[in-house]
PDB file of N, CA and C in Angstrom:
ATOM      1  N   UNK A   1      -8.275  13.331   1.053  1.00  0.00           N
ATOM      2  CA  UNK A   1      -9.204  13.352  -0.104  1.00  0.00           C
ATOM      3  C   UNK A   1      -9.347  12.834  -1.399  1.00  0.00           C
ATOM      4  N   UNK A   2      -7.797  12.602  -1.378  1.00  0.00           N
ATOM      5  CA  UNK A   2      -8.040  12.324  -3.114  1.00  0.00           C
ATOM      6  C   UNK A   2      -7.797  10.867  -2.984  1.00  0.00           C
ATOM      7  N   UNK A   3      -7.106  10.114  -2.144  1.00  0.00           N
ATOM      8  CA  UNK A   3      -7.560   8.571  -1.987  1.00  0.00           C
ATOM      9  C   UNK A   3      -8.592   8.262  -1.728  1.00  0.00           C
ATOM     10  N   UNK A   4      -9.570   8.542  -1.348  1.00  0.00           N
ATOM     11  CA  UNK A   4     -10.721   8.733  -1.296  1.00  0.00           C
ATOM     12  C   UNK A   4     -11.567   8.420  -2.881  1.00  0.00           C
ATOM     13  N   UNK A   5     -11.330   9.608  -3.164  1.00  0.00           N
ATOM     14  CA  UNK A   5     -11.967  10.169  -4.871  1.00  0.00           C
ATOM     15  C   UNK A   5     -11.294   8.853  -5.664  1.00  0.00           C
ATOM     16  N   UNK A   6     -10.171   8.841  -5.625  1.00  0.00           N
ATOM     17  CA  UNK A   6      -9.639   7.701  -6.592  1.00  0.00           C
ATOM     18  C   UNK A   6     -10.447   6.181  -6.282  1.00  0.00           C
ATOM     19  N   UNK A   7     -10.448   6.060  -4.929  1.00  0.00           N
ATOM     20  CA  UNK A   7     -11.398   4.992  -4.516  1.00  0.00           C
ATOM     21  C   UNK A   7     -12.593   4.455  -5.102  1.00  0.00           C
ATOM     22  N   UNK A   8     -13.417   5.551  -5.040  1.00  0.00           N
ATOM     23  CA  UNK A   8     -14.788   5.439  -5.423  1.00  0.00           C
ATOM     24  C   UNK A   8     -14.583   5.332  -6.767  1.00  0.00           C
ATOM     25  N   UNK A   9     -13.965   6.290  -7.667  1.00  0.00           N
ATOM     26  CA  UNK A   9     -13.938   6.452  -8.985  1.00  0.00           C
ATOM     27  C   UNK A   9     -13.546   5.034  -9.307  1.00  0.00           C
ATOM     28  N   UNK A  10     -12.291   4.371  -8.986  1.00  0.00           N
ATOM     29  CA  UNK A  10     -12.025   3.307  -9.655  1.00  0.00           C
ATOM     30  C   UNK A  10     -12.739   2.198  -9.325  1.00  0.00           C
ATOM     31  N   UNK A  11     -13.184   2.058  -8.041  1.00  0.00           N
ATOM     32  CA  UNK A  11     -14.395   1.128  -7.606  1.00  0.00           C
ATOM     33  C   UNK A  11     -15.235   1.024  -8.646  1.00  0.00           C
ATOM     34  N   UNK A  12     -15.548   2.105  -8.959  1.00  0.00           N
ATOM     35  CA  UNK A  12     -16.773   1.995  -9.782  1.00  0.00           C
ATOM     36  C   UNK A  12     -16.671   1.731 -11.282  1.00  0.00           C
ATOM     37  N   UNK A  13     -15.584   2.305 -11.731  1.00  0.00           N
ATOM     38  CA  UNK A  13     -14.885   1.719 -13.200  1.00  0.00           C
ATOM     39  C   UNK A  13     -14.559   0.216 -13.150  1.00  0.00           C
ATOM     40  N   UNK A  14     -13.850  -0.287 -12.503  1.00  0.00           N
ATOM     41  CA  UNK A  14     -13.454  -1.881 -12.127  1.00  0.00           C
ATOM     42  C   UNK A  14     -14.816  -2.723 -12.014  1.00  0.00           C
ATOM     43  N   UNK A  15     -15.747  -2.408 -11.251  1.00  0.00           N
ATOM     44  CA  UNK A  15     -16.790  -3.028 -11.239  1.00  0.00           C
ATOM     45  C   UNK A  15     -17.631  -2.618 -12.376  1.00  0.00           C
ATOM     46  N   UNK A  16     -17.491  -1.878 -13.197  1.00  0.00           N
ATOM     47  CA  UNK A  16     -18.811  -1.680 -14.395  1.00  0.00           C
ATOM     48  C   UNK A  16     -18.044  -1.996 -15.706  1.00  0.00           C
ATOM     49  N   UNK A  17     -16.595  -2.217 -15.719  1.00  0.00           N
ATOM     50  CA  UNK A  17     -16.052  -2.611 -17.012  1.00  0.00           C
ATOM     51  C   UNK A  17     -15.180  -3.491 -17.229  1.00  0.00           C
ATOM     52  N   UNK A  18     -15.430  -4.579 -15.925  1.00  0.00           N
ATOM     53  CA  UNK A  18     -14.668  -5.475 -15.920  1.00  0.00           C
ATOM     54  C   UNK A  18     -15.361  -6.446 -15.175  1.00  0.00           C
ATOM     55  N   UNK A  19     -14.959  -8.010 -15.063  1.00  0.00           N
ATOM     56  CA  UNK A  19     -15.956  -9.057 -14.175  1.00  0.00           C
ATOM     57  C   UNK A  19     -15.011  -9.012 -13.045  1.00  0.00           C
ATOM     58  N   UNK A  20     -14.380  -8.348 -12.346  1.00  0.00           N
ATOM     59  CA  UNK A  20     -13.722  -8.355 -11.042  1.00  0.00           C
ATOM     60  C   UNK A  20     -14.619  -8.934 -10.425  1.00  0.00           C
ATOM     61  N   UNK A  21     -14.439 -10.167  -9.342  1.00  0.00           N
ATOM     62  CA  UNK A  21     -15.369 -10.274  -8.488  1.00  0.00           C
ATOM     63  C   UNK A  21     -15.211  -9.741  -7.274  1.00  0.00           C
ATOM     64  N   UNK A  22     -14.089  -8.643  -6.853  1.00  0.00           N
ATOM     65  CA  UNK A  22     -13.864  -7.824  -6.137  1.00  0.00           C
ATOM     66  C   UNK A  22     -13.475  -6.440  -6.283  1.00  0.00           C
ATOM     67  N   UNK A  23     -14.090  -5.773  -6.712  1.00  0.00           N
ATOM     68  CA  UNK A  23     -13.756  -4.326  -7.300  1.00  0.00           C
ATOM     69  C   UNK A  23     -13.504  -3.466  -6.618  1.00  0.00           C
ATOM     70  N   UNK A  24     -14.242  -3.474  -4.969  1.00  0.00           N
ATOM     71  CA  UNK A  24     -13.764  -2.503  -4.128  1.00  0.00           C
ATOM     72  C   UNK A  24     -12.508  -2.484  -3.155  1.00  0.00           C
ATOM     73  N   UNK A  25     -12.095  -3.764  -3.067  1.00  0.00           N
ATOM     74  CA  UNK A  25     -11.072  -4.344  -2.753  1.00  0.00           C
ATOM     75  C   UNK A  25      -9.647  -3.878  -3.509  1.00  0.00           C
ATOM     76  N   UNK A  26     -10.011  -4.311  -4.955  1.00  0.00           N
ATOM     77  CA  UNK A  26      -8.789  -3.954  -5.819  1.00  0.00           C
ATOM     78  C   UNK A  26      -9.053  -2.355  -6.003  1.00  0.00           C
ATOM     79  N   UNK A  27     -10.265  -1.897  -6.063  1.00  0.00           N
ATOM     80  CA  UNK A  27      -9.934  -0.350  -5.484  1.00  0.00           C
ATOM     81  C   UNK A  27      -9.493   0.369  -4.748  1.00  0.00           C
ATOM     82  N   UNK A  28      -9.138  -0.114  -3.447  1.00  0.00           N
ATOM     83  CA  UNK A  28      -8.746   0.514  -2.086  1.00  0.00           C
ATOM     84  C   UNK A  28      -7.113   0.058  -2.372  1.00  0.00           C
ATOM     85  N   UNK A  29      -7.156  -1.064  -3.298  1.00  0.00           N
ATOM     86  CA  UNK A  29      -5.715  -1.341  -2.892  1.00  0.00           C
ATOM     87  C   UNK A  29      -4.854  -0.422  -4.048  1.00  0.00           C
ATOM     88  N   UNK A  30      -5.561  -0.302  -5.060  1.00  0.00           N
ATOM     89  CA  UNK A  30      -5.323   0.422  -6.131  1.00  0.00           C
ATOM     90  C   UNK A  30      -5.056   2.112  -5.592  1.00  0.00           C
ATOM     91  N   UNK A  31      -5.946   2.476  -4.818  1.00  0.00           N
ATOM     92  CA  UNK A  31      -5.872   4.116  -4.322  1.00  0.00           C
ATOM     93  C   UNK A  31      -5.059   3.897  -3.601  1.00  0.00           C
ATOM     94  N   UNK A  32      -4.668   3.442  -2.491  1.00  0.00           N
ATOM     95  CA  UNK A  32      -3.692   3.421  -1.777  1.00  0.00           C
ATOM     96  C   UNK A  32      -2.289   3.408  -2.545  1.00  0.00           C
ATOM     97  N   UNK A  33      -2.068   2.781  -2.824  1.00  0.00           N
ATOM     98  CA  UNK A  33      -0.802   2.509  -4.079  1.00  0.00           C
ATOM     99  C   UNK A  33      -0.488   3.445  -4.962  1.00  0.00           C
ATOM    100  N   UNK A  34      -1.543   4.326  -5.505  1.00  0.00           N
ATOM    101  CA  UNK A  34      -1.108   5.334  -6.376  1.00  0.00           C
ATOM    102  C   UNK A  34      -0.970   6.628  -5.441  1.00  0.00           C
ATOM    103  N   UNK A  35      -1.694   6.578  -4.219  1.00  0.00           N
ATOM    104  CA  UNK A  35      -1.343   8.135  -3.216  1.00  0.00           C
ATOM    105  C   UNK A  35      -0.203   7.483  -2.672  1.00  0.00           C
ATOM    106  N   UNK A  36       0.682   6.264  -2.322  1.00  0.00           N
ATOM    107  CA  UNK A  36       1.839   5.949  -2.041  1.00  0.00           C
ATOM    108  C   UNK A  36       2.963   6.658  -2.945  1.00  0.00           C
ATOM    109  N   UNK A  37       2.793   6.317  -4.521  1.00  0.00           N
ATOM    110  CA  UNK A  37       3.363   6.528  -5.669  1.00  0.00           C
ATOM    111  C   UNK A  37       3.662   8.307  -5.826  1.00  0.00           C
ATOM    112  N   UNK A  38       2.755   8.545  -5.773  1.00  0.00           N
ATOM    113  CA  UNK A  38       2.340   9.985  -5.718  1.00  0.00           C
ATOM    114  C   UNK A  38       3.213  10.713  -4.544  1.00  0.00           C
ATOM    115  N   UNK A  39       3.132  10.036  -3.521  1.00  0.00           N
ATOM    116  CA  UNK A  39       4.342  10.585  -2.027  1.00  0.00           C
ATOM    117  C   UNK A  39       5.511  10.312  -2.152  1.00  0.00           C
ATOM    118  N   UNK A  40       5.859   9.385  -2.887  1.00  0.00           N
ATOM    119  CA  UNK A  40       7.430   8.776  -3.321  1.00  0.00           C
ATOM    120  C   UNK A  40       7.852  10.010  -4.415  1.00  0.00           C
ATOM    121  N   UNK A  41       7.187   9.827  -5.223  1.00  0.00           N
ATOM    122  CA  UNK A  41       7.156  11.186  -6.492  1.00  0.00           C
ATOM    123  C   UNK A  41       7.662  12.518  -6.178  1.00  0.00           C
ATOM    124  N   UNK A  42       6.812  13.089  -4.966  1.00  0.00           N
ATOM    125  CA  UNK A  42       6.733  14.180  -4.290  1.00  0.00           C
ATOM    126  C   UNK A  42       8.230  14.310  -3.275  1.00  0.00           C
ATOM    127  N   UNK A  43       8.581  13.352  -2.812  1.00  0.00           N
ATOM    128  CA  UNK A  43       9.384  12.881  -1.771  1.00  0.00           C
ATOM    129  C   UNK A  43       9.248  13.254  -0.295  1.00  0.00           C
ATOM    130  N   UNK A  44       7.961  12.957  -0.068  1.00  0.00           N
ATOM    131  CA  UNK A  44       7.536  12.871   1.299  1.00  0.00           C
ATOM    132  C   UNK A  44       7.947  11.771   1.866  1.00  0.00           C
ATOM    133  N   UNK A  45       8.292  11.801   3.406  1.00  0.00           N
ATOM    134  CA  UNK A  45       8.805  10.761   4.032  1.00  0.00           C
ATOM    135  C   UNK A  45       7.883   9.784   4.640  1.00  0.00           C
ATOM    136  N   UNK A  46       6.462  10.638   4.271  1.00  0.00           N
ATOM    137  CA  UNK A  46       5.398   9.770   5.256  1.00  0.00           C
ATOM    138  C   UNK A  46       4.947   8.800   3.952  1.00  0.00           C
ATOM    139  N   UNK A  47       5.444   8.905   2.876  1.00  0.00           N
ATOM    140  CA  UNK A  47       5.249   7.932   1.991  1.00  0.00           C
ATOM    141  C   UNK A  47       5.376   6.473   2.694  1.00  0.00           C
ATOM    142  N   UNK A  48       6.284   6.440   3.622  1.00  0.00           N
ATOM    143  CA  UNK A  48       6.578   5.001   4.025  1.00  0.00           C
ATOM    144  C   UNK A  48       5.182   4.400   4.870  1.00  0.00           C
ATOM    145  N   UNK A  49       4.288   4.892   5.735  1.00  0.00           N
ATOM    146  CA  UNK A  49       3.323   4.849   5.996  1.00  0.00           C
ATOM    147  C   UNK A  49       2.217   4.484   4.766  1.00  0.00           C
ATOM    148  N   UNK A  50       1.907   4.984   3.610  1.00  0.00           N
ATOM    149  CA  UNK A  50       1.285   4.672   2.516  1.00  0.00           C
ATOM    150  C   UNK A  50       1.961   3.474   2.195  1.00  0.00           C
ATOM    151  N   UNK A  51       2.983   3.208   1.736  1.00  0.00           N
ATOM    152  CA  UNK A  51       3.927   2.020   0.929  1.00  0.00           C
ATOM    153  C   UNK A  51       3.156   0.687   1.934  1.00  0.00           C
ATOM    154  N   UNK A  52       3.055   0.896   3.324  1.00  0.00           N
ATOM    155  CA  UNK A  52       2.993  -0.149   4.289  1.00  0.00           C
ATOM    156  C   UNK A  52       1.397  -0.594   4.476  1.00  0.00           C
ATOM    157  N   UNK A  53       0.874   0.469   4.007  1.00  0.00           N
ATOM    158  CA  UNK A  53      -0.578   0.257   4.259  1.00  0.00           C
ATOM    159  C   UNK A  53      -1.011  -0.358   2.801  1.00  0.00           C
ATOM    160  N   UNK A  54      -0.372  -0.198   1.812  1.00  0.00           N
ATOM    161  CA  UNK A  54      -0.569  -0.848   0.256  1.00  0.00           C
ATOM    162  C   UNK A  54      -0.333  -2.276   0.496  1.00  0.00           C
ATOM    163  N   UNK A  55       0.919  -2.644   1.414  1.00  0.00           N
ATOM    164  CA  UNK A  55       1.093  -4.287   1.374  1.00  0.00           C
ATOM    165  C   UNK A  55       0.286  -4.714   2.059  1.00  0.00           C
ATOM    166  N   UNK A  56      -0.302  -4.057   3.234  1.00  0.00           N
ATOM    167  CA  UNK A  56      -1.115  -4.863   3.796  1.00  0.00           C
ATOM    168  C   UNK A  56      -2.466  -4.778   3.231  1.00  0.00           C
ATOM    169  N   UNK A  57      -2.913  -4.202   2.234  1.00  0.00           N
ATOM    170  CA  UNK A  57      -3.986  -4.389   1.532  1.00  0.00           C
ATOM    171  C   UNK A  57      -3.617  -5.299   0.399  1.00  0.00           C
ATOM    172  N   UNK A  58      -2.819  -5.384   0.163  1.00  0.00           N
ATOM    173  CA  UNK A  58      -2.385  -6.639  -1.273  1.00  0.00           C
ATOM    174  C   UNK A  58      -2.352  -8.141  -0.382  1.00  0.00           C
ATOM    175  N   UNK A  59      -2.072  -8.378   0.978  1.00  0.00           N
ATOM    176  CA  UNK A  59      -2.292  -9.183   1.420  1.00  0.00           C
ATOM    177  C   UNK A  59      -3.790  -9.343   1.726  1.00  0.00           C
ATOM    178  N   UNK A  60      -4.546  -8.976   2.160  1.00  0.00           N
ATOM    179  CA  UNK A  60      -6.130  -8.740   2.473  1.00  0.00           C
ATOM    180  C   UNK A  60      -6.652  -9.385   0.930  1.00  0.00           C
ATOM    181  N   UNK A  61      -6.237  -8.741  -0.040  1.00  0.00           N
ATOM    182  CA  UNK A  61      -6.616  -8.693  -1.368  1.00  0.00           C
ATOM    183  C   UNK A  61      -6.139 -10.282  -1.705  1.00  0.00           C
ATOM    184  N   UNK A  62      -4.647 -10.576  -1.361  1.00  0.00           N
ATOM    185  CA  UNK A  62      -4.599 -12.024  -1.511  1.00  0.00           C
ATOM    186  C   UNK A  62      -5.354 -13.130  -0.919  1.00  0.00           C
ATOM    187  N   UNK A  63      -5.584 -12.760   0.282  1.00  0.00           N
ATOM    188  CA  UNK A  63      -6.545 -13.434   1.402  1.00  0.00           C
ATOM    189  C   UNK A  63      -7.831 -13.575   0.455  1.00  0.00           C
ATOM    190  N   UNK A  64      -8.414 -12.571   0.196  1.00  0.00           N
ATOM    191  CA  UNK A  64      -9.883 -12.697  -0.614  1.00  0.00           C
ATOM    192  C   UNK A  64      -9.752 -13.669  -1.669  1.00  0.00           C
ATOM    193  N   UNK A  65      -8.841 -13.197  -2.308  1.00  0.00           N
ATOM    194  CA  UNK A  65      -8.714 -14.006  -3.742  1.00  0.00           C
ATOM    195  C   UNK A  65      -8.333 -15.541  -3.297  1.00  0.00           C
ATOM    196  N   UNK A  66      -7.695 -16.031  -2.759  1.00  0.00           N
ATOM    197  CA  UNK A  66      -7.393 -17.283  -1.878  1.00  0.00           C
ATOM    198  C   UNK A  66      -8.840 -17.909  -1.480  1.00  0.00           C
ATOM    199  N   UNK A  67      -8.959 -17.224  -0.687  1.00  0.00           N
ATOM    200  CA  UNK A  67     -10.598 -18.122  -0.303  1.00  0.00           C
ATOM    201  C   UNK A  67     -11.660 -17.817  -1.409  1.00  0.00           C
ATOM    202  N   UNK A  68     -11.415 -17.333  -2.750  1.00  0.00           N
ATOM    203  CA  UNK A  68     -12.519 -17.492  -4.005  1.00  0.00           C
ATOM    204  C   UNK A  68     -11.797 -18.484  -4.756  1.00  0.00           C
ATOM    205  N   UNK A  69     -10.466 -19.331  -4.414  1.00  0.00           N
ATOM    206  CA  UNK A  69      -9.704 -20.243  -5.250  1.00  0.00           C
ATOM    207  C   UNK A  69      -8.712 -19.761  -6.152  1.00  0.00           C
ATOM    208  N   UNK A  70      -8.663 -18.640  -6.536  1.00  0.00           N
ATOM    209  CA  UNK A  70      -7.677 -18.019  -7.722  1.00  0.00           C
ATOM    210  C   UNK A  70      -6.176 -17.824  -7.242  1.00  0.00           C
ATOM    211  N   UNK A  71      -5.796 -17.563  -5.812  1.00  0.00           N
ATOM    212  CA  UNK A  71      -4.498 -17.017  -5.494  1.00  0.00           C
ATOM    213  C   UNK A  71      -3.412 -18.375  -5.513  1.00  0.00           C
ATOM    214  N   UNK A  72      -2.038 -18.048  -5.554  1.00  0.00           N
ATOM    215  CA  UNK A  72      -0.837 -18.508  -5.481  1.00  0.00           C
ATOM    216  C   UNK A  72      -0.229 -18.345  -4.183  1.00  0.00           C
ATOM    217  N   UNK A  73       0.808 -19.320  -4.003  1.00  0.00           N
ATOM    218  CA  UNK A  73       1.197 -19.091  -2.816  1.00  0.00           C
ATOM    219  C   UNK A  73       2.545 -17.719  -3.357  1.00  0.00           C
ATOM    220  N   UNK A  74       2.848 -17.909  -4.293  1.00  0.00           N
ATOM    221  CA  UNK A  74       3.654 -16.778  -4.801  1.00  0.00           C
ATOM    222  C   UNK A  74       3.108 -15.358  -4.730  1.00  0.00           C
ATOM    223  N   UNK A  75       2.091 -15.112  -5.034  1.00  0.00           N
ATOM    224  CA  UNK A  75       1.401 -14.206  -4.765  1.00  0.00           C
ATOM    225  C   UNK A  75       1.609 -13.485  -3.205  1.00  0.00           C
ATOM    226  N   UNK A  76       1.428 -14.052  -1.907  1.00  0.00           N
ATOM    227  CA  UNK A  76       1.214 -14.138  -0.807  1.00  0.00           C
ATOM    228  C   UNK A  76       3.151 -13.622  -0.501  1.00  0.00           C
ATOM    229  N   UNK A  77       3.715 -14.700  -0.714  1.00  0.00           N
ATOM    230  CA  UNK A  77       5.173 -14.344  -0.481  1.00  0.00           C
ATOM    231  C   UNK A  77       5.593 -12.854  -1.058  1.00  0.00           C
ATOM    232  N   UNK A  78       5.334 -12.618  -2.145  1.00  0.00           N
ATOM    233  CA  UNK A  78       5.550 -11.502  -2.585  1.00  0.00           C
ATOM    234  C   UNK A  78       4.955 -10.484  -2.048  1.00  0.00           C
ATOM    235  N   UNK A  79       3.790 -10.488  -1.984  1.00  0.00           N
ATOM    236  CA  UNK A  79       3.255  -9.384  -1.083  1.00  0.00           C
ATOM    237  C   UNK A  79       3.873  -9.292   0.418  1.00  0.00           C
ATOM    238  N   UNK A  80       4.564 -10.438   0.809  1.00  0.00           N
ATOM    239  CA  UNK A  80       4.496 -10.380   2.253  1.00  0.00           C
ATOM    240  C   UNK A  80       6.022  -9.752   2.663  1.00  0.00           C
ATOM    241  N   UNK A  81       6.921 -10.023   1.093  1.00  0.00           N
ATOM    242  CA  UNK A  81       8.331  -9.633   1.045  1.00  0.00           C
ATOM    243  C   UNK A  81       7.820  -7.693   0.865  1.00  0.00           C
ATOM    244  N   UNK A  82       7.264  -7.206   0.246  1.00  0.00           N
ATOM    245  CA  UNK A  82       6.974  -5.630   0.152  1.00  0.00           C
ATOM    246  C   UNK A  82       6.498  -5.367   1.751  1.00  0.00           C
ATOM    247  N   UNK A  83       5.620  -6.143   2.198  1.00  0.00           N
ATOM    248  CA  UNK A  83       5.473  -5.303   3.685  1.00  0.00           C
ATOM    249  C   UNK A  83       6.760  -5.776   4.806  1.00  0.00           C
ATOM    250  N   UNK A  84       7.225  -6.705   4.626  1.00  0.00           N
ATOM    251  CA  UNK A  84       8.594  -6.782   5.356  1.00  0.00           C
ATOM    252  C   UNK A  84       9.753  -5.716   4.961  1.00  0.00           C
ATOM    253  N   UNK A  85       9.677  -5.243   3.545  1.00  0.00           N
ATOM    254  CA  UNK A  85      10.882  -3.977   2.902  1.00  0.00           C
ATOM    255  C   UNK A  85       9.854  -2.689   3.725  1.00  0.00           C
ATOM    256  N   UNK A  86       8.889  -2.606   3.817  1.00  0.00           N
ATOM    257  CA  UNK A  86       7.910  -1.276   4.132  1.00  0.00           C
ATOM    258  C   UNK A  86       8.580  -1.253   5.926  1.00  0.00           C
ATOM    259  N   UNK A  87       8.295  -2.459   6.489  1.00  0.00           N
ATOM    260  CA  UNK A  87       8.958  -2.221   7.741  1.00  0.00           C
ATOM    261  C   UNK A  87      10.158  -2.100   8.215  1.00  0.00           C
ATOM    262  N   UNK A  88      11.001  -2.414   7.136  1.00  0.00           N
ATOM    263  CA  UNK A  88      12.388  -1.882   7.448  1.00  0.00           C
ATOM    264  C   UNK A  88      12.832  -0.625   7.004  1.00  0.00           C
ATOM    265  N   UNK A  89      11.754  -0.105   6.459  1.00  0.00           N
ATOM    266  CA  UNK A  89      11.844   1.600   5.628  1.00  0.00           C
ATOM    267  C   UNK A  89      11.666   2.037   7.248  1.00  0.00           C
ATOM    268  N   UNK A  90      11.154   1.785   7.926  1.00  0.00           N
ATOM    269  CA  UNK A  90      10.806   2.550   8.817  1.00  0.00           C
ATOM    270  C   UNK A  90      11.908   2.466  10.316  1.00  0.00           C
ATOM    271  N   UNK A  91      12.857   1.172   9.797  1.00  0.00           N
ATOM    272  CA  UNK A  91      13.943   1.124  10.684  1.00  0.00           C
ATOM    273  C   UNK A  91      15.032   1.846  10.649  1.00  0.00           C
ATOM    274  N   UNK A  92      15.672   1.538   9.341  1.00  0.00           N
ATOM    275  CA  UNK A  92      16.949   1.669   8.669  1.00  0.00           C
ATOM    276  C   UNK A  92      16.808   2.904   7.866  1.00  0.00           C
ATOM    277  N   UNK A  93      15.824   3.638   7.330  1.00  0.00           N
ATOM    278  CA  UNK A  93      16.018   4.699   6.617  1.00  0.00           C
ATOM    279  C   UNK A  93      16.357   5.681   6.986  1.00  0.00           C
ATOM    280  N   UNK A  94      17.494   6.234   6.586  1.00  0.00           N
ATOM    281  CA  UNK A  94      18.128   7.562   6.690  1.00  0.00           C
ATOM    282  C   UNK A  94      16.713   8.976   6.654  1.00  0.00           C
ATOM    283  N   UNK A  95      16.014   8.453   5.355  1.00  0.00           N
ATOM    284  CA  UNK A  95      15.168   9.537   5.116  1.00  0.00           C
ATOM    285  C   UNK A  95      14.369   9.452   5.873  1.00  0.00           C
ATOM    286  N   UNK A  96      13.444   8.616   6.327  1.00  0.00           N
ATOM    287  CA  UNK A  96      12.449   8.125   7.478  1.00  0.00           C
ATOM    288  C   UNK A  96      13.055   9.052   8.599  1.00  0.00           C
ATOM    289  N   UNK A  97      14.000   8.387   9.156  1.00  0.00           N
ATOM    290  CA  UNK A  97      14.772   9.411  10.111  1.00  0.00           C
ATOM    291  C   UNK A  97      14.844  11.037  10.219  1.00  0.00           C
ATOM    292  N   UNK A  98      15.325  11.256   8.910  1.00  0.00           N
ATOM    293  CA  UNK A  98      15.475  12.483   8.478  1.00  0.00           C
ATOM    294  C   UNK A  98      14.099  13.870   8.760  1.00  0.00           C
ATOM    295  N   UNK A  99      12.906  12.936   8.413  1.00  0.00           N
ATOM    296  CA  UNK A  99      11.833  13.538   8.728  1.00  0.00           C
ATOM    297  C   UNK A  99      11.553  13.512   9.963  1.00  0.00           C
ATOM    298  N   UNK A 100      12.031  12.636  10.754  1.00  0.00           N
ATOM    299  CA  UNK A 100      11.644  12.603  12.215  1.00  0.00           C
ATOM    300  C   UNK A 100      12.256  13.523  13.015  1.00  0.00           C
ATOM    301  N   UNK A 101      13.363  13.660  12.620  1.00  0.00           N
ATOM    302  CA  UNK A 101      14.653  14.510  13.202  1.00  0.00           C
ATOM    303  C   UNK A 101      13.960  16.148  12.924  1.00  0.00           C
ATOM    304  N   UNK A 102      13.522  16.360  11.678  1.00  0.00           N
ATOM    305  CA  UNK A 102      13.249  17.500  11.258  1.00  0.00           C
ATOM    306  C   UNK A 102      12.126  17.912  12.263  1.00  0.00           C
ATOM    307  N   UNK A 103      10.898  17.119  12.274  1.00  0.00           N
ATOM    308  CA  UNK A 103       9.844  17.137  13.387  1.00  0.00           C
ATOM    309  C   UNK A 103      10.039  17.377  14.950  1.00  0.00           C
ATOM    310  N   UNK A 104      11.483  17.116  15.218  1.00  0.00           N
ATOM    311  CA  UNK A 104      11.496  17.292  16.574  1.00  0.00           C
ATOM    312  C   UNK A 104      11.168  15.549  17.189  1.00  0.00           C
ATOM    313  N   UNK A 105      11.257  15.021  16.358  1.00  0.00           N
ATOM    314  CA  UNK A 105      10.806  13.300  16.789  1.00  0.00           C
ATOM    315  C   UNK A 105      12.532  12.735  17.314  1.00  0.00           C
ATOM    316  N   UNK A 106      12.234  11.617  18.030  1.00  0.00           N
ATOM    317  CA  UNK A 106      13.490  10.810  17.837  1.00  0.00           C
ATOM    318  C   UNK A 106      13.645   9.710  17.007  1.00  0.00           C
ATOM    319  N   UNK A 107      14.800   9.802  16.527  1.00  0.00           N
ATOM    320  CA  UNK A 107      15.247   8.712  15.675  1.00  0.00           C
ATOM    321  C   UNK A 107      14.742   7.076  15.754  1.00  0.00           C
ATOM    322  N   UNK A 108      14.037   6.459  15.482  1.00  0.00           N
ATOM    323  CA  UNK A 108      14.158   5.226  15.258  1.00  0.00           C
ATOM    324  C   UNK A 108      15.285   4.214  15.124  1.00  0.00           C
ATOM    325  N   UNK A 109      15.507   3.539  15.919  1.00  0.00           N
ATOM    326  CA  UNK A 109      16.855   3.064  16.047  1.00  0.00           C
ATOM    327  C   UNK A 109      16.913   1.307  15.901  1.00  0.00           C
ATOM    328  N   UNK A 110      17.853   0.486  15.109  1.00  0.00           N
ATOM    329  CA  UNK A 110      17.520  -0.821  14.522  1.00  0.00           C
ATOM    330  C   UNK A 110      17.872  -1.374  15.569  1.00  0.00           C
TER     331      UNK A 110
END
């Protein structure tokens, strides 16, 4: 619910106070990233899902920006590296697997 609230508020504010051509895409990316940061700060192991979603939305944002002629290849590579890092977190992170064990699930092996 908090993510949706941040999305709506930030989308409105970005659209109203900036000349951003894609305020709602920026807003969802921001809301997901903020949620991931809060989950990380609170040390929840499901933060990896949020970070992965954040990376995917960053790539979507890059694609939209590229289609509008404002993106660079460096931005795409940077976002792709983050997504790869997030995927690795699911496979080699002891923190993530500790949470899986606590929930009675099998560890993900690399």
